[in-house]
Protein backbone atom coordinates (compact mmCIF):
# COMPACT_ATOMS: atom_id res chain seq x y z
CA MET A 1 0.00 0.00 0.00
CA ASP A 2 1.26 3.47 -0.85
CA THR A 3 1.62 5.51 2.33
CA SER A 4 3.23 8.55 0.74
CA PRO A 5 1.64 11.82 1.84
CA ARG A 6 -0.76 13.33 -0.66
CA ARG A 7 -0.84 17.01 -1.49
CA PRO A 8 -4.15 18.74 -0.73
CA ARG A 9 -6.28 19.20 -3.82
CA ARG A 10 -9.11 21.41 -2.58
CA PRO A 11 -7.42 24.64 -3.78
CA LEU A 12 -6.91 23.08 -7.20
CA LEU A 13 -10.62 22.35 -7.41
CA ALA A 14 -11.23 26.02 -6.64
CA VAL A 15 -9.28 26.82 -9.78
CA VAL A 16 -11.24 24.20 -11.69
CA LEU A 17 -14.53 25.73 -10.57
CA ALA A 18 -13.26 29.12 -11.63
CA LEU A 19 -12.38 27.64 -15.01
CA GLY A 20 -15.98 26.47 -15.22
CA VAL A 21 -17.07 30.08 -14.78
CA LEU A 22 -14.81 31.03 -17.66
CA LEU A 23 -16.30 28.38 -19.89
CA ALA A 24 -19.82 29.31 -18.82
CA ALA A 25 -19.11 32.79 -20.09
CA CYS A 26 -18.26 31.42 -23.53
CA GLY A 27 -21.31 29.47 -24.43
CA THR A 28 -24.42 31.55 -24.64
CA ALA A 29 -24.50 32.46 -28.30
CA ALA A 30 -24.35 30.84 -31.70
CA SER A 31 -21.07 31.50 -33.48
CA SER A 32 -22.49 32.46 -36.86
CA ASP A 33 -22.79 36.15 -37.56
CA ASP A 34 -25.20 35.42 -40.39
CA ALA A 35 -28.28 33.56 -39.19
CA ASP A 36 -29.45 32.89 -42.71
CA ALA A 37 -26.15 31.27 -43.65
CA SER A 38 -26.24 29.16 -40.51
CA THR A 39 -29.76 27.93 -41.15
CA ALA A 40 -29.10 27.32 -44.83
CA GLY A 41 -26.05 25.25 -43.99
CA ARG A 42 -28.20 22.85 -42.01
CA GLY A 43 -31.39 22.82 -44.01
CA GLY A 44 -30.53 19.81 -46.14
CA GLU A 45 -29.26 17.56 -43.37
CA ALA A 46 -31.11 14.34 -42.73
CA SER A 47 -32.34 13.56 -39.23
CA LEU A 48 -30.82 10.85 -37.08
CA ASP A 49 -32.31 8.62 -34.45
CA ARG A 50 -31.22 9.71 -31.00
CA ALA A 51 -28.38 7.79 -29.42
CA GLY A 52 -25.73 8.10 -26.76
CA GLY A 53 -25.64 8.39 -23.02
CA ASP A 54 -23.54 8.45 -19.89
CA GLU A 55 -24.48 5.21 -18.21
CA ALA A 56 -22.45 5.83 -15.08
CA ALA A 57 -24.11 9.11 -14.08
CA PRO A 58 -27.54 10.26 -12.87
CA THR A 59 -29.46 11.09 -15.98
CA THR A 60 -32.07 13.45 -17.29
CA THR A 61 -33.75 12.35 -20.46
CA GLY A 62 -33.84 14.74 -23.40
CA PRO A 63 -37.18 15.71 -24.88
CA ALA A 64 -37.26 13.65 -28.07
CA PRO A 65 -38.23 9.96 -27.82
CA ASP A 66 -36.10 7.24 -29.33
CA GLY A 67 -36.53 7.06 -33.07
CA ALA A 68 -37.96 10.58 -33.40
CA PRO A 69 -36.25 12.98 -35.81
CA ALA A 70 -34.23 15.67 -34.06
CA PRO A 71 -35.71 19.07 -34.99
CA GLU A 72 -33.36 21.67 -36.37
CA ALA A 73 -32.71 24.59 -34.03
CA GLU A 74 -33.77 27.96 -35.34
CA ALA A 75 -30.97 30.48 -35.72
CA GLY A 76 -31.06 32.73 -32.70
CA ALA A 77 -33.69 30.63 -30.96
CA GLY A 78 -34.59 31.89 -27.54
CA ALA A 79 -32.87 35.23 -27.93
CA ALA A 80 -34.73 38.44 -27.31
CA SER A 81 -35.08 40.94 -30.16
CA SER A 82 -34.62 44.69 -30.21
CA GLU A 83 -34.01 47.46 -32.71
CA ASP A 84 -30.60 48.94 -33.33
CA ALA A 85 -29.95 52.60 -34.08
CA GLY A 86 -30.91 52.09 -37.70
CA GLY A 87 -34.21 50.43 -36.88
CA ALA A 88 -33.09 46.92 -37.86
CA VAL A 89 -34.14 44.01 -35.68
CA VAL A 90 -31.14 42.35 -34.01
CA ASP A 91 -30.86 39.30 -31.82
CA GLU A 92 -29.74 39.65 -28.23
CA VAL A 93 -27.94 36.66 -26.77
CA PRO A 94 -29.20 35.31 -23.44
CA THR A 95 -27.12 36.58 -20.54
CA ASP A 96 -28.19 34.32 -17.67
CA PRO A 97 -24.90 33.10 -16.15
CA ALA A 98 -26.49 30.01 -14.60
CA LEU A 99 -25.79 27.86 -17.62
CA THR A 100 -26.38 24.14 -17.44
CA ALA A 101 -24.60 21.46 -19.40
CA GLY A 102 -25.12 17.87 -20.41
CA ARG A 103 -22.48 15.20 -20.71
CA ILE A 104 -22.18 11.96 -22.59
CA ASP A 105 -19.21 9.62 -22.86
CA ASP A 106 -19.31 7.70 -26.12
CA GLY A 107 -16.37 5.56 -25.05
CA GLU A 108 -18.37 4.29 -22.08
CA ALA A 109 -21.64 3.97 -24.02
CA TRP A 110 -19.90 2.33 -26.99
CA ALA A 111 -22.88 0.40 -28.34
CA ASP A 112 -24.99 3.57 -28.41
CA TYR A 113 -22.23 5.43 -30.23
CA LEU A 114 -22.01 2.75 -32.90
CA VAL A 115 -25.75 3.15 -33.52
CA TYR A 116 -25.36 6.93 -33.74
CA ARG A 117 -22.37 6.62 -36.09
CA ASP A 118 -24.22 4.20 -38.38
CA ASP A 119 -27.24 6.52 -38.51
CA ALA A 120 -24.99 9.51 -39.20
CA GLY A 121 -23.32 7.74 -42.11
CA ARG A 122 -26.65 6.77 -43.63
CA ALA A 123 -27.82 10.38 -43.26
CA GLY A 124 -24.89 11.56 -45.37
CA ILE A 125 -22.94 13.21 -42.55
CA PRO A 126 -19.19 12.99 -43.30
CA LEU A 127 -17.36 10.77 -40.83
CA ALA A 128 -13.67 10.54 -40.06
CA PRO A 129 -11.97 7.28 -41.10
CA ILE A 130 -11.96 5.74 -37.63
CA ASP A 131 -11.55 1.95 -37.62
CA VAL A 132 -14.14 1.14 -34.96
CA ASP A 133 -13.44 -2.60 -35.31
CA ALA A 134 -9.84 -2.01 -34.23
CA ARG A 135 -10.79 -0.16 -31.04
CA ARG A 136 -8.96 -1.38 -27.96
CA VAL A 137 -9.10 0.21 -24.51
CA LEU A 138 -5.72 -0.37 -22.88
CA THR A 139 -4.99 -0.12 -19.17
CA VAL A 140 -1.43 0.13 -17.86
CA VAL A 141 -0.91 -0.70 -14.19
CA ASP A 142 2.18 -1.10 -12.03
CA ALA A 143 3.26 -4.16 -10.06
CA ASP A 144 0.75 -3.24 -7.32
CA ASP A 145 -2.12 -2.84 -9.82
CA ARG A 146 -2.18 0.94 -9.51
CA PRO A 147 -2.86 2.92 -12.72
CA VAL A 148 0.20 4.31 -14.46
CA ARG A 149 -0.33 7.74 -16.00
CA GLY A 150 1.81 9.03 -18.83
CA ALA A 151 2.86 5.60 -20.11
CA VAL A 152 3.68 5.58 -23.82
CA VAL A 153 2.16 2.58 -25.60
CA ASP A 154 3.11 1.59 -29.15
CA VAL A 155 1.02 -0.85 -31.19
CA LEU A 156 3.54 -2.92 -33.15
CA ASP A 157 3.16 -4.72 -36.45
CA ALA A 158 4.71 -8.11 -37.28
CA GLY A 159 8.04 -6.42 -38.07
CA GLY A 160 8.15 -4.63 -34.72
CA GLU A 161 7.29 -1.23 -36.21
CA PRO A 162 4.68 0.98 -34.50
CA VAL A 163 1.37 1.43 -36.30
CA ALA A 164 -0.08 3.69 -33.58
CA THR A 165 1.06 5.40 -30.39
CA VAL A 166 -0.98 6.57 -27.41
CA ARG A 167 -0.21 7.83 -23.92
CA THR A 168 -2.20 6.77 -20.87
CA HIS A 169 -4.24 9.22 -18.81
CA ALA A 170 -4.53 9.53 -15.04
CA ASP A 171 -6.60 6.34 -14.75
CA GLY A 172 -3.94 4.36 -16.65
CA ARG A 173 -6.17 3.98 -19.69
CA ALA A 174 -5.76 4.88 -23.34
CA VAL A 175 -7.76 4.02 -26.44
CA VAL A 176 -6.35 2.99 -29.81
CA PHE A 177 -8.13 2.64 -33.14
CA ALA A 178 -5.39 0.74 -34.92
CA ALA A 179 -4.25 -2.86 -34.98
CA PRO A 180 -2.04 -4.98 -37.25
CA GLU A 181 -3.69 -6.58 -40.26
CA GLY A 182 -5.76 -9.58 -39.23
CA ALA A 183 -6.21 -8.44 -35.63
CA SER A 184 -8.96 -5.88 -36.14
CA SER A 185 -11.76 -7.72 -37.90
CA SER A 186 -15.19 -7.54 -36.29
CA ASP A 187 -15.70 -11.19 -37.26
CA PRO A 188 -14.03 -13.37 -34.57
CA GLN A 189 -13.44 -16.16 -37.11
CA GLN A 190 -11.32 -13.82 -39.20
CA ARG A 191 -9.16 -12.74 -36.30
CA GLY A 192 -6.01 -14.70 -35.84
CA THR A 193 -3.13 -12.33 -35.28
CA ALA A 194 -2.07 -11.36 -31.78
CA THR A 195 -1.13 -7.75 -31.19
CA THR A 196 2.09 -6.69 -29.51
CA TYR A 197 2.05 -3.59 -27.31
CA ARG A 198 5.28 -1.93 -26.23
CA VAL A 199 5.01 0.07 -22.99
CA ARG A 200 7.49 2.70 -21.83
CA SER A 201 6.76 4.21 -18.44
CA GLU A 202 8.19 5.40 -15.13
CA ALA A 203 7.00 2.11 -13.68
CA GLY A 204 9.10 0.10 -16.14
CA ASP A 205 8.99 -1.09 -19.73
CA LEU A 206 7.56 -4.21 -21.30
CA ASP A 207 6.40 -5.86 -24.51
CA ALA A 208 3.08 -7.69 -24.17
CA GLU A 209 1.41 -9.95 -26.72
CA VAL A 210 -2.38 -9.74 -26.53
CA ALA A 211 -4.92 -12.06 -28.11
CA PRO A 212 -6.99 -10.52 -30.93
CA ASP A 213 -10.28 -10.98 -29.06
CA ASP A 214 -9.03 -9.08 -25.99
CA LEU A 215 -10.71 -5.70 -26.43
CA ALA A 216 -9.60 -4.28 -23.07
CA PRO A 217 -6.10 -5.60 -22.34
CA VAL A 218 -4.41 -4.86 -19.00
CA LEU A 219 -0.66 -4.33 -19.36
CA ARG A 220 1.27 -4.79 -16.10
CA THR A 221 4.64 -3.07 -15.69
CA PRO A 222 7.35 -4.58 -13.47
CA GLY A 223 7.96 -1.60 -11.20
CA ALA A 224 6.08 0.94 -9.07
CA ARG A 225 4.67 4.19 -10.32
CA PRO A 226 5.67 7.54 -8.76
CA ALA A 227 3.39 8.50 -5.88
CA ASP A 228 3.45 12.28 -6.24
CA ALA A 229 0.37 14.31 -7.18
CA PRO A 230 0.27 15.52 -10.79
CA ASP A 231 0.75 19.00 -12.18
CA VAL A 232 -2.01 20.25 -14.47
CA ASP A 233 -1.99 21.94 -17.89
CA LEU A 234 -5.37 23.54 -18.71
CA GLN A 235 -5.99 25.14 -22.07
CA LEU A 236 -8.95 27.01 -23.54
CA VAL A 237 -9.56 26.90 -27.29
CA LEU A 238 -11.99 29.76 -27.91
CA ASP A 239 -13.99 31.10 -30.84
CA ALA A 240 -13.41 34.85 -31.25
CA THR A 241 -15.72 35.59 -34.19
CA GLY A 242 -18.07 38.55 -34.07
CA SER A 243 -20.94 36.83 -32.30
CA MET A 244 -18.74 36.07 -29.29
CA GLY A 245 -18.25 39.68 -28.18
CA ASP A 246 -20.48 39.49 -25.12
CA GLU A 247 -18.97 36.18 -24.01
CA ILE A 248 -15.39 37.43 -24.34
CA GLU A 249 -16.19 40.49 -22.23
CA ARG A 250 -17.63 38.20 -19.56
CA LEU A 251 -14.45 36.13 -19.72
CA LYS A 252 -12.41 39.20 -18.95
CA ALA A 253 -14.65 40.07 -16.01
CA THR A 254 -14.57 36.61 -14.44
CA LEU A 255 -10.87 35.84 -14.78
CA ALA A 256 -10.34 37.51 -11.40
CA THR A 257 -11.95 34.40 -9.89
CA VAL A 258 -9.24 32.26 -11.46
CA VAL A 259 -6.56 34.63 -10.19
CA GLU A 260 -7.96 34.30 -6.68
CA GLY A 261 -8.08 30.50 -6.93
CA ILE A 262 -4.48 30.31 -8.14
CA GLY A 263 -3.42 32.57 -5.30
CA GLU A 264 -4.74 30.01 -2.82
CA LEU A 265 -2.59 27.20 -4.21
CA PRO A 266 0.41 25.89 -2.27
CA GLY A 267 3.72 25.55 -4.06
CA SER A 268 2.45 22.46 -5.89
CA PRO A 269 0.79 20.96 -7.81
CA GLN A 270 1.51 23.52 -10.47
CA VAL A 271 -1.41 24.70 -12.62
CA ARG A 272 -0.59 26.31 -15.95
CA LEU A 273 -3.16 28.18 -18.04
CA GLY A 274 -2.97 28.62 -21.81
CA MET A 275 -5.29 29.73 -24.57
CA THR A 276 -5.76 29.49 -28.31
CA VAL A 277 -8.16 32.02 -29.84
CA TYR A 278 -9.43 31.54 -33.36
CA ARG A 279 -11.60 33.18 -35.99
CA ASP A 280 -11.78 32.16 -39.64
CA ARG A 281 -10.10 32.41 -43.00
CA GLY A 282 -10.07 35.91 -44.42
CA ASP A 283 -10.41 37.50 -40.98
CA GLU A 284 -7.75 39.62 -39.30
CA PHE A 285 -6.16 36.42 -37.98
CA VAL A 286 -6.90 32.72 -37.99
CA THR A 287 -5.36 31.67 -34.67
CA ARG A 288 -3.57 33.36 -31.79
CA THR A 289 -1.97 31.36 -29.03
CA VAL A 290 -1.20 32.56 -25.52
CA PRO A 291 1.61 30.41 -24.07
CA PHE A 292 1.16 28.46 -20.85
CA THR A 293 1.87 30.48 -17.75
CA THR A 294 1.47 30.19 -14.00
CA ASP A 295 1.20 33.98 -13.88
CA ALA A 296 -2.54 34.53 -13.82
CA ALA A 297 -2.16 38.31 -14.05
CA ALA A 298 -0.16 37.97 -17.29
CA PHE A 299 -2.77 35.55 -18.63
CA GLU A 300 -5.53 38.04 -17.72
CA GLU A 301 -3.67 40.79 -19.57
CA GLN A 302 -3.53 38.65 -22.70
CA LEU A 303 -7.24 37.91 -22.44
CA SER A 304 -8.01 41.63 -22.06
CA GLU A 305 -6.61 42.17 -25.56
CA VAL A 306 -8.95 39.63 -27.19
CA THR A 307 -11.76 41.18 -29.22
CA ALA A 308 -14.56 39.55 -31.22
CA ASP A 309 -14.77 40.15 -34.96
CA GLY A 310 -15.06 38.35 -38.27
CA GLY A 311 -16.75 35.07 -38.99
CA GLY A 312 -19.96 35.23 -40.95
CA ASP A 313 -20.58 31.64 -42.06
CA THR A 314 -21.25 28.39 -40.26
CA PRO A 315 -17.93 26.49 -40.63
CA GLU A 316 -15.00 28.01 -38.77
CA ALA A 317 -11.23 27.54 -38.47
CA VAL A 318 -11.47 24.67 -36.01
CA GLU A 319 -8.77 22.59 -37.70
CA PRO A 320 -5.99 25.22 -37.62
CA ALA A 321 -7.05 26.11 -34.08
CA LEU A 322 -6.60 22.51 -32.92
CA ALA A 323 -3.24 22.24 -34.68
CA SER A 324 -2.10 25.48 -33.09
CA ALA A 325 -3.38 24.39 -29.67
CA LEU A 326 -1.19 21.30 -29.87
CA ASP A 327 1.90 22.59 -31.65
CA ASP A 328 2.23 26.19 -30.49
CA LEU A 329 2.06 25.51 -26.75
CA ASP A 330 4.81 24.03 -24.63
CA TRP A 331 2.77 21.20 -23.15
CA SER A 332 4.56 19.64 -20.20
CA GLU A 333 6.88 16.77 -21.02
CA ASP A 334 6.45 15.34 -17.52
CA PRO A 335 4.64 12.01 -18.04
CA GLY A 336 2.65 12.56 -14.87
CA THR A 337 1.06 15.87 -15.87
CA VAL A 338 -2.71 15.95 -16.40
CA ARG A 339 -3.37 17.66 -19.75
CA LEU A 340 -6.78 18.99 -20.79
CA ALA A 341 -7.88 21.21 -23.68
CA PHE A 342 -11.45 22.57 -23.59
CA LEU A 343 -12.74 23.44 -27.08
CA VAL A 344 -15.61 25.95 -26.74
CA ALA A 345 -17.43 26.31 -30.06
CA ASP A 346 -20.71 25.89 -31.88
CA ALA A 347 -19.67 25.30 -35.49
CA PRO A 348 -17.80 22.58 -37.38
CA PRO A 349 -14.53 22.98 -39.25
CA HIS A 350 -14.34 23.67 -42.95
CA LEU A 351 -14.35 20.25 -44.52
CA GLU A 352 -13.28 19.28 -48.04
CA GLY A 353 -14.54 21.67 -50.69
CA GLY A 354 -15.42 24.53 -48.35
CA ARG A 355 -14.26 28.08 -49.19
CA ALA A 356 -11.01 27.07 -50.85
CA GLY A 357 -8.94 29.81 -52.42
CA CYS A 358 -5.59 30.13 -54.15
CA ALA A 359 -2.51 30.22 -52.00
CA PRO A 360 -0.91 33.65 -51.50
CA GLU A 361 2.68 34.40 -50.67
CA PRO A 362 3.33 33.54 -47.01
CA VAL A 363 3.28 36.50 -44.63
CA PRO A 364 5.62 36.25 -41.62
CA ALA A 365 4.01 36.53 -38.20
CA PRO A 366 4.98 39.55 -36.11
CA GLU A 367 7.88 39.05 -33.74
CA ALA A 368 7.17 38.38 -30.09
CA ALA A 369 7.87 41.25 -27.69
CA GLY A 370 10.62 39.61 -25.67
CA ASP A 371 11.63 36.03 -25.10
CA ASP A 372 10.02 35.75 -21.69
CA ALA A 373 6.80 37.65 -22.34
CA PRO A 374 3.61 35.59 -22.78
CA VAL A 375 2.77 37.31 -26.07
CA ALA A 376 0.23 35.89 -28.48
CA ASP A 377 1.76 34.46 -31.65
CA ASP A 378 -0.27 35.11 -34.80
CA VAL A 379 -0.88 32.65 -37.57
CA GLU A 380 -1.57 34.85 -40.57
CA PRO A 381 -4.85 34.30 -42.44
CA VAL A 382 -5.01 32.90 -45.94
CA GLU A 383 -6.67 35.61 -48.02
CA PRO A 384 -8.45 34.92 -51.32
CA CYS A 385 -6.23 35.96 -54.22
CA ALA A 386 -6.51 36.48 -57.93
CA GLY A 387 -4.48 34.78 -60.62
CA GLU A 388 -4.06 31.35 -62.10
CA GLY A 389 -3.85 28.11 -60.21
CA GLY A 390 -6.36 25.68 -58.80
CA PRO A 391 -8.05 25.92 -55.43
CA VAL A 392 -6.23 24.66 -52.38
CA ASP A 393 -7.46 23.35 -49.04
CA ASP A 394 -5.79 25.79 -46.64
CA ASP A 395 -7.25 24.61 -43.36
CA GLY A 396 -4.23 22.51 -42.44
CA PRO A 397 -4.22 19.05 -40.85
CA HIS A 398 -7.47 17.12 -40.76
CA TYR A 399 -9.06 17.31 -37.33
CA ILE A 400 -8.88 13.55 -36.77
CA ASP A 401 -5.15 13.51 -37.53
CA THR A 402 -4.63 16.24 -34.96
CA ALA A 403 -6.84 14.39 -32.48
CA THR A 404 -4.66 11.31 -32.96
CA ARG A 405 -1.60 13.40 -32.12
CA PHE A 406 -3.36 14.77 -29.05
CA ALA A 407 -3.95 11.17 -27.95
CA ALA A 408 -0.29 10.30 -28.53
CA ALA A 409 0.63 13.20 -26.24
CA GLY A 410 -1.85 12.15 -23.56
CA ILE A 411 -4.00 15.29 -23.96
CA LYS A 412 -7.78 15.04 -23.72
CA VAL A 413 -9.78 17.34 -25.99
CA VAL A 414 -13.06 18.12 -24.22
CA PRO A 415 -15.53 19.78 -26.62
CA VAL A 416 -18.11 22.14 -25.09
CA ALA A 417 -20.85 22.66 -27.68
CA SER A 418 -22.89 25.84 -27.55
CA SER A 419 -26.31 26.32 -29.15
CA ASN A 420 -27.19 25.60 -32.76
CA LEU A 421 -24.37 23.14 -33.41
CA ASP A 422 -25.29 21.44 -36.67
CA PRO A 423 -25.16 17.64 -37.24
CA VAL A 424 -21.74 17.83 -38.89
CA GLY A 425 -20.37 19.74 -35.91
CA GLU A 426 -21.85 17.22 -33.49
CA SER A 427 -20.19 14.36 -35.34
CA VAL A 428 -16.81 16.14 -35.40
CA PHE A 429 -16.96 17.09 -31.73
CA ARG A 430 -17.89 13.57 -30.65
CA GLU A 431 -15.06 12.11 -32.72
CA LEU A 432 -12.57 14.52 -31.12
CA ALA A 433 -13.73 13.44 -27.67
CA LEU A 434 -13.77 9.75 -28.58
CA VAL A 435 -10.24 9.59 -29.99
CA THR A 436 -8.76 11.47 -27.01
CA GLN A 437 -10.88 9.52 -24.47
CA ALA A 438 -12.77 12.59 -23.25
CA PRO A 439 -16.46 13.28 -22.60
CA PHE A 440 -18.59 15.43 -24.90
CA LEU A 441 -20.14 18.40 -23.09
CA PHE A 442 -22.95 20.61 -24.39
CA LEU A 443 -24.96 23.50 -23.03
CA THR A 444 -28.59 22.65 -22.27
CA TYR A 445 -31.62 24.92 -22.44
CA GLY A 446 -35.23 25.15 -21.41
CA ALA A 447 -38.22 25.05 -23.71
CA ASP A 448 -37.61 28.69 -24.71
CA GLY A 449 -34.18 27.79 -26.06
CA ALA A 450 -32.46 30.37 -23.85
CA SER A 451 -32.92 29.79 -20.13
CA PRO A 452 -31.11 26.97 -18.32
CA GLY A 453 -32.86 23.64 -18.63
CA ASP A 454 -32.42 20.00 -19.55
CA GLN A 455 -33.07 20.00 -23.30
CA ARG A 456 -30.86 19.85 -26.36
CA PRO A 457 -33.16 18.80 -29.23
CA ASP A 458 -30.69 19.76 -31.95
CA LEU A 459 -28.25 17.05 -30.80
CA HIS A 460 -28.64 13.29 -31.11
CA VAL A 461 -28.20 12.52 -27.45
CA ASP A 462 -30.39 10.89 -24.85
CA ASP A 463 -30.17 9.93 -21.16
CA PHE A 464 -27.54 12.50 -20.33
CA ALA A 465 -26.48 13.95 -17.00
CA VAL A 466 -27.24 17.64 -16.38
CA LEU A 467 -25.32 19.92 -14.00
CA SER A 468 -24.33 23.56 -13.96
CA LEU A 469 -21.54 24.06 -16.47
CA ASP A 470 -18.97 24.96 -13.84
CA GLN A 471 -19.80 21.79 -11.91
CA MET A 472 -19.59 19.76 -15.11
CA VAL A 473 -16.15 21.12 -15.96
CA ALA A 474 -15.02 20.58 -12.37
CA ARG A 475 -16.17 16.99 -12.62
CA VAL A 476 -14.03 16.38 -15.71
CA VAL A 477 -10.88 17.61 -13.95
CA ALA A 478 -11.78 16.01 -10.64
CA ASP A 479 -12.18 12.65 -12.39
CA GLU A 480 -8.59 12.94 -13.61
CA LEU A 481 -7.22 13.84 -10.18
CA GLU A 482 -9.21 11.18 -8.34
CA SER A 483 -7.94 8.54 -10.75
CA VAL A 484 -4.41 9.31 -9.61
CA GLY A 485 -5.33 8.75 -5.98
């Protein structure tokens, strides 16, 4: 039995709750500046049967019965209307801070997710090439059967070469969607090739051969894991298009709560805050990244400079934002660090064929103001340009490729879906969560579509838990920390 003293975690949870306040401030409005474009982008989508759930949590059932089509949410539903100075009717976003959120975990409710994914494919929703038949949920434990966090696990082919790499989370688990040929068939009679997993960890290394029908192998290392409490990297990936102005201002106002929470922390565990802000192609910028810092005042100063502008269509620059969130931040290399990225958004990425333009000459990003200053680094937008040459897809790495790299780094991407997320966005967000072994969170509303409630009829979810958003976010982080203990 491990008798090492544990560091107190209550102050850390204070920071987590404060983070929930930050996220609550982000989610009240749809991201599209143009309601007509948003509605038109969803008008042709087929309905899906409802599926999904969080079987391990108290549940509140969504309003649509099983098998019923999910109605499309009206653009701006639930928002009050008023006239601007020119007499035009404008939508006002709801401002009630007591937001509620639902949660499902497709990895835990796997059978329900397979039903949802099959229905989505038949409805014509584009799906990422995830080999669901090859899914294996690995657990790495030490010699005393305690979970080993931060273990690197390679899936090896017959020649000993890795075909996939993942890193375990605080509970010692990781999910892979790759297996050598012959080991991934859904038909047991066609399986015949064992899979070799190579584990590298602070609790020791090993190679383990696992039978093809073992869908949840436990890999036991020869040594003992470190007993210290983990440090935490928390990142926000935020939409900064024009419709998010009110939410960004509320972020600035509530960051003082985070500052107070960080001030209550003892010397360790260390909590670092980072942020990636994004807009869309053709805007002033595509992504801006604020480096990780333990200096909450410096982080607050960076946030104070964020303004909302641009956007105007339904798809947004989600893919470059994810790539920047992973590559432009100095995520901790300590294998024991808990790493979480919260993606707050309500629109899908540009997928193939969307708003492609010709490639301009690259424009260098402005220099940072000092080596030690936490200054936002710009990724310059790709502007439409005239001249010859075919269209190019300028959105960067496909979101599922980036999600796979997040998983290899042991970072969970936790999507937080705001209102009016279309079916394509729902599919993308759930895939991001699934590949990185995270839950899918979404704001819930009452019958008016604005006030807090327990409904989300525009999503294909059922039997989901409902809490205040700050409690829901706190639960995600607390789950990670409790798994270590």
